[in-house]
Amino acid sequence: MKEVWAIIRREKFAETKRSLDAVGCGAMSVHSVWGRGKQGGLIMSEVESEMLAYATSAPKLVPTPSYLVTEGATLTKPVLYVPKRLLVMVVPDDKVDLVVETIIKVNKTGNHGDGKIFIMPVENAVTVRTGESGEKAL
């Protein structure tokens, strides 16, 4: 068994969930997260209008230092962490490649911020209600 963490764009969540359901891997936990990758986040003027609602209401919004902005950029407001979705799922070893391919197919735009996928081993899983363990618990 493997645990798969996928950090994706918020607007891609519904399509990603539908695609994972279609391939039989729809069980997941979903978290709202804020972060940035190598590109350093977004300058406030680049944030889409729907993201502004999140940015203005987020109590834990943390500015990124201005030195992370590319040289020559006009910085009118600080660089912001970007709202994302974190999908966490545990899947059998033989379905890991299918899950990863499905997530990439839906989320790849070729632009910064498409996301990141992490795959980690899982020792065991136990269903509380039935006591089933291992892959039967999935």
C-alpha atoms as a PDB file:
ATOM      1  CA  MET A   1       0.000   0.000   0.000  1.00  0.00           C
ATOM      2  CA  LYS A   2       1.065   3.567  -0.674  1.00  0.00           C
ATOM      3  CA  GLU A   3      -0.061   6.938   0.640  1.00  0.00           C
ATOM      4  CA  VAL A   4      -0.421   9.510  -2.117  1.00  0.00           C
ATOM      5  CA  TRP A   5      -0.426  13.233  -1.354  1.00  0.00           C
ATOM      6  CA  ALA A   6      -1.420  15.470  -4.247  1.00  0.00           C
ATOM      7  CA  ILE A   7      -1.273  19.259  -3.988  1.00  0.00           C
ATOM      8  CA  ILE A   8      -3.414  20.685  -6.790  1.00  0.00           C
ATOM      9  CA  ARG A   9      -5.104  23.895  -7.891  1.00  0.00           C
ATOM     10  CA  ARG A  10      -8.431  24.498  -6.130  1.00  0.00           C
ATOM     11  CA  GLU A  11     -10.295  24.920  -9.408  1.00  0.00           C
ATOM     12  CA  LYS A  12      -9.133  21.452 -10.538  1.00  0.00           C
ATOM     13  CA  PHE A  13     -10.435  19.607  -7.459  1.00  0.00           C
ATOM     14  CA  ALA A  14     -13.922  18.666  -8.756  1.00  0.00           C
ATOM     15  CA  GLU A  15     -12.571  17.324 -12.059  1.00  0.00           C
ATOM     16  CA  THR A  16      -9.767  15.465 -10.268  1.00  0.00           C
ATOM     17  CA  LYS A  17     -12.238  13.838  -7.867  1.00  0.00           C
ATOM     18  CA  ARG A  18     -14.538  12.792 -10.750  1.00  0.00           C
ATOM     19  CA  SER A  19     -11.591  11.313 -12.666  1.00  0.00           C
ATOM     20  CA  LEU A  20     -10.323   9.390  -9.622  1.00  0.00           C
ATOM     21  CA  ASP A  21     -13.862   8.094  -8.972  1.00  0.00           C
ATOM     22  CA  ALA A  22     -14.037   6.927 -12.599  1.00  0.00           C
ATOM     23  CA  VAL A  23     -10.880   4.813 -12.209  1.00  0.00           C
ATOM     24  CA  GLY A  24     -12.071   3.336  -8.895  1.00  0.00           C
ATOM     25  CA  CYS A  25      -9.846   5.357  -6.553  1.00  0.00           C
ATOM     26  CA  GLY A  26     -12.203   7.937  -5.077  1.00  0.00           C
ATOM     27  CA  ALA A  27     -11.549   7.454  -1.343  1.00  0.00           C
ATOM     28  CA  MET A  28      -9.574  10.423  -0.033  1.00  0.00           C
ATOM     29  CA  SER A  29      -9.232  13.099   2.595  1.00  0.00           C
ATOM     30  CA  VAL A  30      -9.210  16.694   1.359  1.00  0.00           C
ATOM     31  CA  HIS A  31      -7.517  19.646   3.040  1.00  0.00           C
ATOM     32  CA  SER A  32      -7.365  23.343   2.207  1.00  0.00           C
ATOM     33  CA  VAL A  33      -3.734  24.444   2.237  1.00  0.00           C
ATOM     34  CA  TRP A  34      -1.699  27.558   1.385  1.00  0.00           C
ATOM     35  CA  GLY A  35       1.760  27.366  -0.085  1.00  0.00           C
ATOM     36  CA  ARG A  36       4.179  28.233  -2.813  1.00  0.00           C
ATOM     37  CA  GLY A  37       6.637  26.372  -4.965  1.00  0.00           C
ATOM     38  CA  LYS A  38       9.916  27.331  -6.585  1.00  0.00           C
ATOM     39  CA  GLN A  39       8.276  30.235  -8.407  1.00  0.00           C
ATOM     40  CA  GLY A  40       7.762  32.029  -5.084  1.00  0.00           C
ATOM     41  CA  GLY A  41       3.978  32.439  -5.037  1.00  0.00           C
ATOM     42  CA  LEU A  42       1.999  35.150  -6.799  1.00  0.00           C
ATOM     43  CA  ILE A  43       2.206  38.912  -6.832  1.00  0.00           C
ATOM     44  CA  MET A  44      -1.131  40.298  -5.607  1.00  0.00           C
ATOM     45  CA  SER A  45      -1.903  41.800  -9.048  1.00  0.00           C
ATOM     46  CA  GLU A  46      -1.608  38.296 -10.566  1.00  0.00           C
ATOM     47  CA  VAL A  47      -4.106  36.705  -8.203  1.00  0.00           C
ATOM     48  CA  GLU A  48      -7.392  35.889  -9.899  1.00  0.00           C
ATOM     49  CA  SER A  49     -10.509  37.629  -8.603  1.00  0.00           C
ATOM     50  CA  GLU A  50     -11.905  34.436  -7.054  1.00  0.00           C
ATOM     51  CA  MET A  51      -8.637  33.918  -5.198  1.00  0.00           C
ATOM     52  CA  LEU A  52      -8.813  37.454  -3.825  1.00  0.00           C
ATOM     53  CA  ALA A  53     -11.772  36.420  -1.695  1.00  0.00           C
ATOM     54  CA  TYR A  54      -9.581  33.756  -0.087  1.00  0.00           C
ATOM     55  CA  ALA A  55      -6.636  36.131   0.277  1.00  0.00           C
ATOM     56  CA  THR A  56      -8.617  38.858   2.019  1.00  0.00           C
ATOM     57  CA  SER A  57     -10.375  36.507   4.424  1.00  0.00           C
ATOM     58  CA  ALA A  58      -7.452  34.222   5.256  1.00  0.00           C
ATOM     59  CA  PRO A  59      -6.260  34.779   8.817  1.00  0.00           C
ATOM     60  CA  LYS A  60      -2.936  32.977   8.245  1.00  0.00           C
ATOM     61  CA  LEU A  61      -1.858  34.718   5.037  1.00  0.00           C
ATOM     62  CA  VAL A  62       1.911  35.221   5.177  1.00  0.00           C
ATOM     63  CA  PRO A  63       3.779  37.503   2.741  1.00  0.00           C
ATOM     64  CA  THR A  64       6.812  36.119   0.955  1.00  0.00           C
ATOM     65  CA  PRO A  65       9.957  38.300   1.095  1.00  0.00           C
ATOM     66  CA  SER A  66      10.204  40.689  -1.852  1.00  0.00           C
ATOM     67  CA  TYR A  67      13.693  39.428  -2.782  1.00  0.00           C
ATOM     68  CA  LEU A  68      12.003  36.309  -4.173  1.00  0.00           C
ATOM     69  CA  VAL A  69      10.365  38.371  -6.920  1.00  0.00           C
ATOM     70  CA  THR A  70      12.211  38.251 -10.240  1.00  0.00           C
ATOM     71  CA  GLU A  71      14.533  41.151 -10.949  1.00  0.00           C
ATOM     72  CA  GLY A  72      12.845  44.085 -12.650  1.00  0.00           C
ATOM     73  CA  ALA A  73       9.354  43.181 -11.422  1.00  0.00           C
ATOM     74  CA  THR A  74       7.204  45.945 -10.023  1.00  0.00           C
ATOM     75  CA  LEU A  75       6.074  44.873  -6.588  1.00  0.00           C
ATOM     76  CA  THR A  76       3.022  46.836  -5.485  1.00  0.00           C
ATOM     77  CA  LYS A  77       1.932  44.296  -2.883  1.00  0.00           C
ATOM     78  CA  PRO A  78       3.745  41.378  -1.243  1.00  0.00           C
ATOM     79  CA  VAL A  79       4.021  37.987  -2.892  1.00  0.00           C
ATOM     80  CA  LEU A  80       1.347  35.706  -1.467  1.00  0.00           C
ATOM     81  CA  TYR A  81       1.067  32.061  -0.669  1.00  0.00           C
ATOM     82  CA  VAL A  82      -1.405  30.442  -3.031  1.00  0.00           C
ATOM     83  CA  PRO A  83      -4.534  28.559  -1.916  1.00  0.00           C
ATOM     84  CA  LYS A  84      -4.421  24.889  -2.958  1.00  0.00           C
ATOM     85  CA  ARG A  85      -6.127  21.571  -2.202  1.00  0.00           C
ATOM     86  CA  LEU A  86      -4.244  18.670  -0.647  1.00  0.00           C
ATOM     87  CA  LEU A  87      -5.665  15.244  -1.500  1.00  0.00           C
ATOM     88  CA  VAL A  88      -4.524  12.390   0.733  1.00  0.00           C
ATOM     89  CA  MET A  89      -5.308   8.801  -0.230  1.00  0.00           C
ATOM     90  CA  VAL A  90      -4.039   5.313   0.495  1.00  0.00           C
ATOM     91  CA  VAL A  91      -4.116   2.966  -2.480  1.00  0.00           C
ATOM     92  CA  PRO A  92      -2.945  -0.574  -3.250  1.00  0.00           C
ATOM     93  CA  ASP A  93       0.520  -0.776  -4.828  1.00  0.00           C
ATOM     94  CA  ASP A  94      -0.914  -1.845  -8.186  1.00  0.00           C
ATOM     95  CA  LYS A  95      -3.087   1.306  -8.439  1.00  0.00           C
ATOM     96  CA  VAL A  96      -0.418   3.914  -7.610  1.00  0.00           C
ATOM     97  CA  ASP A  97       0.612   4.503 -11.237  1.00  0.00           C
ATOM     98  CA  LEU A  98      -3.033   4.834 -12.312  1.00  0.00           C
ATOM     99  CA  VAL A  99      -3.729   7.384  -9.550  1.00  0.00           C
ATOM    100  CA  VAL A 100      -0.632   9.426 -10.410  1.00  0.00           C
ATOM    101  CA  GLU A 101      -1.386   9.354 -14.151  1.00  0.00           C
ATOM    102  CA  THR A 102      -4.991  10.415 -13.514  1.00  0.00           C
ATOM    103  CA  ILE A 103      -3.974  13.334 -11.294  1.00  0.00           C
ATOM    104  CA  ILE A 104      -1.370  14.509 -13.818  1.00  0.00           C
ATOM    105  CA  LYS A 105      -3.787  14.180 -16.762  1.00  0.00           C
ATOM    106  CA  VAL A 106      -6.352  16.451 -15.083  1.00  0.00           C
ATOM    107  CA  ASN A 107      -3.993  18.975 -13.498  1.00  0.00           C
ATOM    108  CA  LYS A 108      -1.165  19.505 -15.983  1.00  0.00           C
ATOM    109  CA  THR A 109      -1.364  22.908 -17.688  1.00  0.00           C
ATOM    110  CA  GLY A 110       2.360  23.396 -18.216  1.00  0.00           C
ATOM    111  CA  ASN A 111       2.412  26.441 -15.930  1.00  0.00           C
ATOM    112  CA  HIS A 112       3.885  27.047 -12.492  1.00  0.00           C
ATOM    113  CA  GLY A 113       1.471  25.922  -9.795  1.00  0.00           C
ATOM    114  CA  ASP A 114       0.196  22.747 -11.462  1.00  0.00           C
ATOM    115  CA  GLY A 115       0.953  20.874  -8.246  1.00  0.00           C
ATOM    116  CA  LYS A 116       3.091  18.194  -6.707  1.00  0.00           C
ATOM    117  CA  ILE A 117       2.537  14.504  -5.910  1.00  0.00           C
ATOM    118  CA  PHE A 118       4.266  12.648  -3.078  1.00  0.00           C
ATOM    119  CA  ILE A 119       4.168   8.851  -2.694  1.00  0.00           C
ATOM    120  CA  MET A 120       5.022   7.163   0.605  1.00  0.00           C
ATOM    121  CA  PRO A 121       4.885   3.548   1.838  1.00  0.00           C
ATOM    122  CA  VAL A 122       2.129   2.501   4.260  1.00  0.00           C
ATOM    123  CA  GLU A 123       2.765  -0.332   6.709  1.00  0.00           C
ATOM    124  CA  ASN A 124      -0.831  -1.200   7.495  1.00  0.00           C
ATOM    125  CA  ALA A 125      -4.409   0.060   7.528  1.00  0.00           C
ATOM    126  CA  VAL A 126      -7.230  -1.019   9.835  1.00  0.00           C
ATOM    127  CA  THR A 127     -10.958  -0.383   9.460  1.00  0.00           C
ATOM    128  CA  VAL A 128     -12.270   0.599  12.874  1.00  0.00           C
ATOM    129  CA  ARG A 129     -15.819  -0.707  12.286  1.00  0.00           C
ATOM    130  CA  THR A 130     -14.889  -4.185  11.000  1.00  0.00           C
ATOM    131  CA  GLY A 131     -11.329  -4.725  12.200  1.00  0.00           C
ATOM    132  CA  GLU A 132     -10.236  -5.593   8.649  1.00  0.00           C
ATOM    133  CA  SER A 133      -6.592  -4.822   8.003  1.00  0.00           C
ATOM    134  CA  GLY A 134      -4.188  -4.483   5.101  1.00  0.00           C
ATOM    135  CA  GLU A 135      -5.582  -3.889   1.629  1.00  0.00           C
ATOM    136  CA  LYS A 136      -8.978  -5.267   2.752  1.00  0.00           C
ATOM    137  CA  ALA A 137      -9.291  -2.139   4.894  1.00  0.00           C
ATOM    138  CA  LEU A 138      -9.056   0.062   1.825  1.00  0.00           C
END
